[in-house]
C-alpha atoms as a PDB file:
ATOM      1  CA  MET A   1      78.609  32.181  41.523  1.00  0.00           C
ATOM      2  CA  VAL A   2      75.080  30.954  41.249  1.00  0.00           C
ATOM      3  CA  ARG A   3      73.468  29.150  43.936  1.00  0.00           C
ATOM      4  CA  ALA A   4      72.390  25.653  43.197  1.00  0.00           C
ATOM      5  CA  CYS A   5      69.187  24.091  45.128  1.00  0.00           C
ATOM      6  CA  VAL A   6      66.651  21.655  44.934  1.00  0.00           C
ATOM      7  CA  LEU A   7      62.350  22.497  45.017  1.00  0.00           C
ATOM      8  CA  PRO A   8      58.927  20.840  45.277  1.00  0.00           C
ATOM      9  CA  TYR A   9      58.369  20.187  41.932  1.00  0.00           C
ATOM     10  CA  LEU A  10      61.054  20.573  39.894  1.00  0.00           C
ATOM     11  CA  ALA A  11      64.257  18.067  39.588  1.00  0.00           C
ATOM     12  CA  GLY A  12      66.519  20.742  40.016  1.00  0.00           C
ATOM     13  CA  VAL A  13      67.813  24.439  39.601  1.00  0.00           C
ATOM     14  CA  ARG A  14      71.274  24.527  38.524  1.00  0.00           C
ATOM     15  CA  PRO A  15      73.634  26.014  36.119  1.00  0.00           C
ATOM     16  CA  ALA A  16      73.723  24.667  33.139  1.00  0.00           C
ATOM     17  CA  THR A  17      76.375  26.146  31.000  1.00  0.00           C
ATOM     18  CA  ASP A  18      76.281  23.133  28.405  1.00  0.00           C
ATOM     19  CA  GLN A  19      72.697  24.597  27.065  1.00  0.00           C
ATOM     20  CA  PRO A  20      71.972  26.243  24.331  1.00  0.00           C
ATOM     21  CA  ASP A  21      70.896  30.266  25.329  1.00  0.00           C
ATOM     22  CA  PRO A  22      68.495  31.443  23.048  1.00  0.00           C
ATOM     23  CA  THR A  23      66.987  34.444  24.340  1.00  0.00           C
ATOM     24  CA  GLY A  24      70.928  35.062  26.041  1.00  0.00           C
ATOM     25  CA  LEU A  25      69.386  35.108  29.707  1.00  0.00           C
ATOM     26  CA  ARG A  26      72.366  32.945  30.662  1.00  0.00           C
ATOM     27  CA  GLN A  27      74.314  36.333  30.178  1.00  0.00           C
ATOM     28  CA  GLU A  28      71.756  38.490  32.470  1.00  0.00           C
ATOM     29  CA  LEU A  29      69.973  35.760  34.837  1.00  0.00           C
ATOM     30  CA  GLY A  30      73.092  33.664  35.837  1.00  0.00           C
ATOM     31  CA  SER A  31      72.791  31.069  34.139  1.00  0.00           C
ATOM     32  CA  LEU A  32      69.998  29.030  35.284  1.00  0.00           C
ATOM     33  CA  ALA A  33      68.324  26.572  33.782  1.00  0.00           C
ATOM     34  CA  VAL A  34      65.122  24.720  35.441  1.00  0.00           C
ATOM     35  CA  VAL A  35      64.144  21.109  35.168  1.00  0.00           C
ATOM     36  CA  GLY A  36      61.261  19.833  35.856  1.00  0.00           C
ATOM     37  CA  ARG A  37      58.163  17.433  34.216  1.00  0.00           C
ATOM     38  CA  ASP A  38      55.767  18.809  31.223  1.00  0.00           C
ATOM     39  CA  ARG A  39      52.238  18.346  30.857  1.00  0.00           C
ATOM     40  CA  SER A  40      52.910  14.956  29.899  1.00  0.00           C
ATOM     41  CA  GLY A  41      54.886  13.143  32.567  1.00  0.00           C
ATOM     42  CA  GLU A  42      58.282  13.691  30.216  1.00  0.00           C
ATOM     43  CA  ARG A  43      61.734  15.391  31.168  1.00  0.00           C
ATOM     44  CA  ALA A  44      62.473  19.321  30.340  1.00  0.00           C
ATOM     45  CA  ARG A  45      63.893  21.785  30.197  1.00  0.00           C
ATOM     46  CA  GLY A  46      63.477  25.846  29.981  1.00  0.00           C
ATOM     47  CA  TRP A  47      65.147  28.895  31.076  1.00  0.00           C
ATOM     48  CA  PHE A  48      63.581  31.131  33.412  1.00  0.00           C
ATOM     49  CA  ASN A  49      63.702  34.850  34.304  1.00  0.00           C
ATOM     50  CA  GLN A  50      62.801  37.449  37.129  1.00  0.00           C
ATOM     51  CA  ASP A  51      58.613  36.901  35.654  1.00  0.00           C
ATOM     52  CA  ASP A  52      57.839  33.801  37.705  1.00  0.00           C
ATOM     53  CA  PHE A  53      59.240  30.699  35.292  1.00  0.00           C
ATOM     54  CA  ARG A  54      57.194  32.568  32.220  1.00  0.00           C
ATOM     55  CA  GLN A  55      59.910  30.991  30.509  1.00  0.00           C
ATOM     56  CA  ALA A  56      59.431  27.754  31.538  1.00  0.00           C
ATOM     57  CA  GLN A  57      55.688  28.149  31.352  1.00  0.00           C
ATOM     58  CA  LEU A  58      55.948  28.572  27.653  1.00  0.00           C
ATOM     59  CA  LEU A  59      58.018  25.118  27.561  1.00  0.00           C
ATOM     60  CA  GLY A  60      55.039  23.320  29.188  1.00  0.00           C
ATOM     61  CA  MET A  61      55.941  22.874  31.793  1.00  0.00           C
ATOM     62  CA  THR A  62      53.932  22.639  35.082  1.00  0.00           C
ATOM     63  CA  PRO A  63      53.843  25.850  37.380  1.00  0.00           C
ATOM     64  CA  SER A  64      51.174  24.823  40.652  1.00  0.00           C
ATOM     65  CA  GLY A  65      52.043  24.442  43.506  1.00  0.00           C
ATOM     66  CA  TRP A  66      55.307  26.317  42.671  1.00  0.00           C
ATOM     67  CA  PRO A  67      57.690  27.805  44.969  1.00  0.00           C
ATOM     68  CA  SER A  68      57.563  31.667  44.622  1.00  0.00           C
ATOM     69  CA  PHE A  69      61.309  32.238  43.406  1.00  0.00           C
ATOM     70  CA  ALA A  70      62.782  34.212  41.295  1.00  0.00           C
ATOM     71  CA  ALA A  71      66.701  35.045  39.427  1.00  0.00           C
ATOM     72  CA  THR A  72      67.874  38.184  39.593  1.00  0.00           C
ATOM     73  CA  SER A  73      71.294  39.744  37.529  1.00  0.00           C
ATOM     74  CA  ARG A  74      73.370  38.846  41.053  1.00  0.00           C
ATOM     75  CA  GLY A  75      72.837  34.914  39.515  1.00  0.00           C
ATOM     76  CA  VAL A  76      70.808  34.363  42.963  1.00  0.00           C
ATOM     77  CA  THR A  77      67.154  33.373  44.334  1.00  0.00           C
ATOM     78  CA  GLU A  78      65.041  35.424  46.173  1.00  0.00           C
ATOM     79  CA  SER A  79      61.339  34.994  47.936  1.00  0.00           C
ATOM     80  CA  LEU A  80      58.880  36.929  45.977  1.00  0.00           C
ATOM     81  CA  PRO A  81      56.127  38.633  47.847  1.00  0.00           C
ATOM     82  CA  PRO A  82      53.066  36.972  48.104  1.00  0.00           C
ATOM     83  CA  TRP A  83      51.022  39.968  45.889  1.00  0.00           C
ATOM     84  CA  ARG A  84      53.436  38.616  42.810  1.00  0.00           C
ATOM     85  CA  PRO A  85      52.274  35.405  41.895  1.00  0.00           C
ATOM     86  CA  LEU A  86      48.386  36.852  42.068  1.00  0.00           C
ATOM     87  CA  LEU A  87      49.747  39.474  39.512  1.00  0.00           C
ATOM     88  CA  ARG A  88      51.252  36.733  37.705  1.00  0.00           C
ATOM     89  CA  GLY A  89      48.142  34.954  37.355  1.00  0.00           C
ATOM     90  CA  ALA A  90      45.666  37.645  37.028  1.00  0.00           C
ATOM     91  CA  ARG A  91      48.631  38.564  33.461  1.00  0.00           C
ATOM     92  CA  GLU A  92      48.291  35.390  31.900  1.00  0.00           C
ATOM     93  CA  ARG A  93      44.772  35.649  32.174  1.00  0.00           C
ATOM     94  CA  GLU A  94      45.115  38.462  29.160  1.00  0.00           C
ATOM     95  CA  GLY A  95      46.380  35.910  26.982  1.00  0.00           C
ATOM     96  CA  ARG A  96      47.509  38.075  24.167  1.00  0.00           C
ATOM     97  CA  SER A  97      45.778  41.196  25.140  1.00  0.00           C
ATOM     98  CA  PRO A  98      47.934  44.496  25.782  1.00  0.00           C
ATOM     99  CA  MET A  99      46.390  44.902  28.996  1.00  0.00           C
ATOM    100  CA  ALA A 100      48.635  42.055  30.482  1.00  0.00           C
ATOM    101  CA  ARG A 101      51.783  44.790  30.153  1.00  0.00           C
ATOM    102  CA  TRP A 102      50.067  48.369  30.330  1.00  0.00           C
ATOM    103  CA  LEU A 103      49.522  49.808  33.534  1.00  0.00           C
ATOM    104  CA  GLN A 104      48.885  53.474  34.904  1.00  0.00           C
ATOM    105  CA  LEU A 105      51.959  55.160  36.098  1.00  0.00           C
ATOM    106  CA  ALA A 106      50.975  58.939  38.585  1.00  0.00           C
ATOM    107  CA  THR A 107      53.460  61.030  39.324  1.00  0.00           C
ATOM    108  CA  VAL A 108      53.300  64.794  40.798  1.00  0.00           C
ATOM    109  CA  ALA A 109      55.030  67.479  38.814  1.00  0.00           C
ATOM    110  CA  ALA A 110      56.595  70.825  39.715  1.00  0.00           C
ATOM    111  CA  ASP A 111      53.510  72.879  40.646  1.00  0.00           C
ATOM    112  CA  GLY A 112      51.734  69.735  42.402  1.00  0.00           C
ATOM    113  CA  THR A 113      49.353  69.021  40.029  1.00  0.00           C
ATOM    114  CA  PRO A 114      48.988  65.792  39.120  1.00  0.00           C
ATOM    115  CA  ARG A 115      49.896  63.576  36.052  1.00  0.00           C
ATOM    116  CA  VAL A 116      49.129  60.226  34.878  1.00  0.00           C
ATOM    117  CA  ARG A 117      49.745  58.252  31.697  1.00  0.00           C
ATOM    118  CA  THR A 118      50.629  54.925  30.333  1.00  0.00           C
ATOM    119  CA  LEU A 119      53.810  52.719  30.190  1.00  0.00           C
ATOM    120  CA  VAL A 120      54.365  48.869  28.930  1.00  0.00           C
ATOM    121  CA  PHE A 121      55.444  46.861  31.858  1.00  0.00           C
ATOM    122  CA  ARG A 122      59.209  45.449  30.894  1.00  0.00           C
ATOM    123  CA  GLY A 123      59.851  43.153  33.995  1.00  0.00           C
ATOM    124  CA  TRP A 124      61.063  42.295  37.579  1.00  0.00           C
ATOM    125  CA  GLY A 125      64.808  44.094  38.772  1.00  0.00           C
ATOM    126  CA  GLY A 126      63.782  42.412  41.553  1.00  0.00           C
ATOM    127  CA  PRO A 127      61.312  40.774  43.598  1.00  0.00           C
ATOM    128  CA  ALA A 128      59.337  44.426  44.071  1.00  0.00           C
ATOM    129  CA  GLU A 129      61.241  46.405  41.643  1.00  0.00           C
ATOM    130  CA  LEU A 130      59.484  47.319  38.488  1.00  0.00           C
ATOM    131  CA  ASP A 131      60.964  48.105  35.837  1.00  0.00           C
ATOM    132  CA  LEU A 132      59.935  50.906  32.515  1.00  0.00           C
ATOM    133  CA  LEU A 133      61.398  52.587  30.322  1.00  0.00           C
ATOM    134  CA  THR A 134      60.782  56.872  29.112  1.00  0.00           C
ATOM    135  CA  ASP A 135      62.172  59.364  27.501  1.00  0.00           C
ATOM    136  CA  GLY A 136      64.037  61.049  28.979  1.00  0.00           C
ATOM    137  CA  ARG A 137      63.077  64.500  26.889  1.00  0.00           C
ATOM    138  CA  SER A 138      59.861  64.055  28.244  1.00  0.00           C
ATOM    139  CA  ALA A 139      58.220  65.268  32.125  1.00  0.00           C
ATOM    140  CA  LYS A 140      58.677  62.067  33.970  1.00  0.00           C
ATOM    141  CA  PRO A 141      62.039  62.410  34.898  1.00  0.00           C
ATOM    142  CA  ALA A 142      62.060  65.984  35.796  1.00  0.00           C
ATOM    143  CA  GLU A 143      58.531  64.828  37.708  1.00  0.00           C
ATOM    144  CA  LEU A 144      60.351  62.502  40.114  1.00  0.00           C
ATOM    145  CA  ALA A 145      63.276  64.296  40.732  1.00  0.00           C
ATOM    146  CA  TRP A 146      61.194  66.885  42.296  1.00  0.00           C
ATOM    147  CA  GLN A 147      58.656  63.925  43.559  1.00  0.00           C
ATOM    148  CA  PRO A 148      60.314  60.369  43.619  1.00  0.00           C
ATOM    149  CA  ALA A 149      57.222  58.327  45.089  1.00  0.00           C
ATOM    150  CA  VAL A 150      55.099  57.054  42.521  1.00  0.00           C
ATOM    151  CA  GLU A 151      51.446  55.181  42.312  1.00  0.00           C
ATOM    152  CA  LEU A 152      51.166  52.536  39.356  1.00  0.00           C
ATOM    153  CA  CYS A 153      47.333  51.132  38.265  1.00  0.00           C
ATOM    154  CA  TRP A 154      46.991  48.151  36.998  1.00  0.00           C
ATOM    155  CA  LEU A 155      43.489  47.231  35.686  1.00  0.00           C
ATOM    156  CA  LEU A 156      43.220  43.481  34.361  1.00  0.00           C
ATOM    157  CA  PRO A 157      39.401  43.134  32.801  1.00  0.00           C
ATOM    158  CA  ARG A 158      39.653  39.658  32.057  1.00  0.00           C
ATOM    159  CA  ALA A 159      40.852  38.461  35.438  1.00  0.00           C
ATOM    160  CA  ARG A 160      38.554  41.183  37.039  1.00  0.00           C
ATOM    161  CA  CYS A 161      41.035  43.001  39.182  1.00  0.00           C
ATOM    162  CA  GLN A 162      42.734  46.254  40.042  1.00  0.00           C
ATOM    163  CA  PHE A 163      46.570  46.337  41.238  1.00  0.00           C
ATOM    164  CA  ARG A 164      47.732  49.656  42.829  1.00  0.00           C
ATOM    165  CA  LEU A 165      51.052  49.515  43.601  1.00  0.00           C
ATOM    166  CA  ARG A 166      52.692  52.662  45.339  1.00  0.00           C
ATOM    167  CA  GLY A 167      56.833  52.780  45.665  1.00  0.00           C
ATOM    168  CA  ALA A 168      59.472  55.308  45.030  1.00  0.00           C
ATOM    169  CA  GLN A 169      62.257  55.290  41.680  1.00  0.00           C
ATOM    170  CA  HIS A 170      64.860  53.503  43.114  1.00  0.00           C
ATOM    171  CA  THR A 171      68.743  54.710  42.401  1.00  0.00           C
ATOM    172  CA  LEU A 172      71.330  52.826  40.991  1.00  0.00           C
ATOM    173  CA  SER A 173      74.727  53.276  40.232  1.00  0.00           C
ATOM    174  CA  PRO A 174      76.163  54.376  37.084  1.00  0.00           C
ATOM    175  CA  GLU A 175      77.515  50.956  36.490  1.00  0.00           C
ATOM    176  CA  GLN A 176      74.443  49.236  37.233  1.00  0.00           C
ATOM    177  CA  GLU A 177      72.219  51.468  35.464  1.00  0.00           C
ATOM    178  CA  GLN A 178      74.310  51.736  31.918  1.00  0.00           C
ATOM    179  CA  ARG A 179      74.240  47.626  32.444  1.00  0.00           C
ATOM    180  CA  GLU A 180      70.305  47.574  32.471  1.00  0.00           C
ATOM    181  CA  ARG A 181      69.977  49.861  30.409  1.00  0.00           C
ATOM    182  CA  GLN A 182      72.224  48.158  27.395  1.00  0.00           C
ATOM    183  CA  ARG A 183      70.245  45.122  28.008  1.00  0.00           C
ATOM    184  CA  HIS A 184      66.221  46.169  28.230  1.00  0.00           C
ATOM    185  CA  TRP A 185      67.682  48.335  25.213  1.00  0.00           C
ATOM    186  CA  ARG A 186      68.834  44.522  23.009  1.00  0.00           C
ATOM    187  CA  ALA A 187      65.591  43.193  24.167  1.00  0.00           C
ATOM    188  CA  LEU A 188      63.327  46.172  22.284  1.00  0.00           C
ATOM    189  CA  THR A 189      62.352  45.525  19.196  1.00  0.00           C
ATOM    190  CA  PRO A 190      63.377  47.505  16.164  1.00  0.00           C
ATOM    191  CA  GLY A 191      60.134  49.074  16.331  1.00  0.00           C
ATOM    192  CA  GLY A 192      59.947  49.230  19.155  1.00  0.00           C
ATOM    193  CA  ARG A 193      63.921  51.422  19.494  1.00  0.00           C
ATOM    194  CA  ALA A 194      62.024  53.224  17.012  1.00  0.00           C
ATOM    195  CA  LEU A 195      60.464  55.446  19.518  1.00  0.00           C
ATOM    196  CA  TRP A 196      64.287  56.782  20.641  1.00  0.00           C
ATOM    197  CA  GLY A 197      64.595  58.139  17.554  1.00  0.00           C
ATOM    198  CA  TRP A 198      61.203  60.832  17.243  1.00  0.00           C
ATOM    199  CA  PRO A 199      61.304  64.026  17.661  1.00  0.00           C
ATOM    200  CA  PRO A 200      60.400  64.966  21.953  1.00  0.00           C
ATOM    201  CA  PRO A 201      57.636  64.299  23.309  1.00  0.00           C
ATOM    202  CA  ALA A 202      55.355  67.136  23.369  1.00  0.00           C
ATOM    203  CA  ALA A 203      57.124  69.488  21.106  1.00  0.00           C
ATOM    204  CA  PRO A 204      55.070  71.131  18.519  1.00  0.00           C
ATOM    205  CA  LEU A 205      55.259  69.346  15.762  1.00  0.00           C
ATOM    206  CA  ASP A 206      57.317  69.410  12.694  1.00  0.00           C
ATOM    207  CA  PRO A 207      55.807  67.764   9.749  1.00  0.00           C
ATOM    208  CA  ALA A 208      59.298  67.438   8.354  1.00  0.00           C
ATOM    209  CA  ALA A 209      60.636  65.701  10.370  1.00  0.00           C
ATOM    210  CA  ALA A 210      61.731  62.099  10.659  1.00  0.00           C
ATOM    211  CA  PHE A 211      59.691  59.359  12.304  1.00  0.00           C
ATOM    212  CA  PRO A 212      61.065  56.247  12.022  1.00  0.00           C
ATOM    213  CA  ASP A 213      59.998  52.877  11.943  1.00  0.00           C
ATOM    214  CA  GLU A 214      62.506  50.633  12.986  1.00  0.00           C
ATOM    215  CA  LEU A 215      65.689  51.180  14.784  1.00  0.00           C
ATOM    216  CA  GLY A 216      68.511  48.417  13.546  1.00  0.00           C
ATOM    217  CA  GLU A 217      70.110  46.036  17.090  1.00  0.00           C
ATOM    218  CA  HIS A 218      73.331  47.655  15.952  1.00  0.00           C
ATOM    219  CA  THR A 219      71.968  50.992  16.753  1.00  0.00           C
ATOM    220  CA  ALA A 220      73.851  53.107  19.818  1.00  0.00           C
ATOM    221  CA  MET A 221      71.588  53.450  22.715  1.00  0.00           C
ATOM    222  CA  PRO A 222      70.718  57.307  23.240  1.00  0.00           C
ATOM    223  CA  ALA A 223      71.418  59.267  25.942  1.00  0.00           C
ATOM    224  CA  HIS A 224      67.987  59.789  26.686  1.00  0.00           C
ATOM    225  CA  PHE A 225      66.735  55.791  26.630  1.00  0.00           C
ATOM    226  CA  LEU A 226      66.174  56.754  30.425  1.00  0.00           C
ATOM    227  CA  LEU A 227      65.243  53.407  32.731  1.00  0.00           C
ATOM    228  CA  LEU A 228      62.221  53.824  35.718  1.00  0.00           C
ATOM    229  CA  ARG A 229      63.038  51.057  37.953  1.00  0.00           C
ATOM    230  CA  LEU A 230      60.649  51.349  41.219  1.00  0.00           C
ATOM    231  CA  THR A 231      60.714  50.101  44.489  1.00  0.00           C
ATOM    232  CA  LEU A 232      57.373  48.957  45.187  1.00  0.00           C
ATOM    233  CA  ARG A 233      56.737  49.018  49.192  1.00  0.00           C
ATOM    234  CA  GLN A 234      52.476  48.647  49.076  1.00  0.00           C
ATOM    235  CA  VAL A 235      50.878  46.820  47.234  1.00  0.00           C
ATOM    236  CA  GLU A 236      46.636  46.654  46.688  1.00  0.00           C
ATOM    237  CA  LEU A 237      44.944  44.338  45.178  1.00  0.00           C
ATOM    238  CA  LEU A 238      41.086  44.823  44.393  1.00  0.00           C
ATOM    239  CA  GLU A 239      38.989  41.529  43.229  1.00  0.00           C
ATOM    240  CA  LEU A 240      35.968  41.898  41.264  1.00  0.00           C
ATOM    241  CA  SER A 241      34.561  38.631  40.374  1.00  0.00           C
ATOM    242  CA  ALA A 242      32.976  37.601  43.826  1.00  0.00           C
ATOM    243  CA  HIS A 243      30.127  39.499  46.229  1.00  0.00           C
ATOM    244  CA  PRO A 244      31.306  41.248  47.627  1.00  0.00           C
ATOM    245  CA  HIS A 245      34.082  41.820  46.349  1.00  0.00           C
ATOM    246  CA  ARG A 246      37.472  41.165  47.796  1.00  0.00           C
ATOM    247  CA  ARG A 247      39.898  44.283  48.629  1.00  0.00           C
ATOM    248  CA  ARG A 248      44.120  43.831  50.181  1.00  0.00           C
ATOM    249  CA  ARG A 249      46.903  44.896  51.189  1.00  0.00           C
ATOM    250  CA  TRP A 250      50.251  44.150  51.829  1.00  0.00           C
ATOM    251  CA  ARG A 251      53.057  46.010  52.899  1.00  0.00           C
ATOM    252  CA  ALA A 252      56.739  46.192  52.702  1.00  0.00           C
ATOM    253  CA  GLN A 253      57.102  47.657  56.319  1.00  0.00           C
ATOM    254  CA  THR A 254      54.584  44.472  57.902  1.00  0.00           C
ATOM    255  CA  GLY A 255      57.143  41.792  55.695  1.00  0.00           C
ATOM    256  CA  TRP A 256      54.320  41.779  52.865  1.00  0.00           C
ATOM    257  CA  ALA A 257      52.098  40.739  55.361  1.00  0.00           C
ATOM    258  CA  GLU A 258      47.857  40.273  54.421  1.00  0.00           C
ATOM    259  CA  GLU A 259      45.368  42.920  55.017  1.00  0.00           C
ATOM    260  CA  PRO A 260      41.832  42.020  54.553  1.00  0.00           C
ATOM    261  CA  LEU A 261      40.567  45.756  53.711  1.00  0.00           C
ATOM    262  CA  ASN A 262      36.814  46.495  52.912  1.00  0.00           C
ATOM    263  CA  PRO A 263      36.584  46.694  49.477  1.00  0.00           C
END
C-alpha cells in the first residue's frame, strides 16, 4: 500500500491511479506522483522515481530545498543517505555527457589479481543499493561469487569531483531477482538489448558470428542477462574545485555521518 505524506515545497505526494503512466512507473514504483509548483508558479505533476525526483525535474519542478526522499519498489518513501543528493547534483552537471552514467567497477579475480572495467549506471534499487547490468558469460559473476566485495569509482569531470563507492553484491530472492531483471530488460532500448544477443564476451572472434544491431521489445530475456545489485557501505567524495581540495566520507556503520578527511 502506498504511504501518502505532505512534504515541504510540495503540495503533496499521493497515489495517482487516475493519471496517465507513459513511463510504466506506476506499476514498478507504487503509483506515486509528485505535485508541486513549476518555475512559473503553476501547479505541475510529474512522476518521480528512485533517482531523486529526476522525472519531476524534467517537468521543470523546482528541486531546491526538497527533502531527500525516494520511491522504492515496495511503494513507500525512504530517507536517502546524505551523499545521494551530492551525487545527483554532480551527475546533473554532466548534462548529456555519458560520464553521468559511466562508472568503473573493481573486483578481485580468483587468483587474487585486480580487475576493473567501465559499466553503465542503471538506477537505484534502494537508498544505498545501486544497480548495474552484466553478461553472465563474462568473468564478473565468477569474480563476485569468489569475492563479493567491490569498489566503484565515478569521475564527474564537469563537477570536478570523484566518488568512490564501496560495498558488496546483494543477493535477492529468486522471485525478486526475476522481477527486477524483467524490469531492467523492458527498460532497455532495442540497441541496448542487442548486446546480450552477441557471442560470449572475450571469446575468440568468429568473423561469421552474428552481432545484431537491435533486439525488439518482445525478445525473450536471455538467461545470461544478469542484474548486479550492490549494497553500498562506504562512500567517499573528493572535490577538486577549491584549494585545498575537499574530501569527505560517509559510512553505513556510523549512520552515514559525514567525516571530513585530508584530501
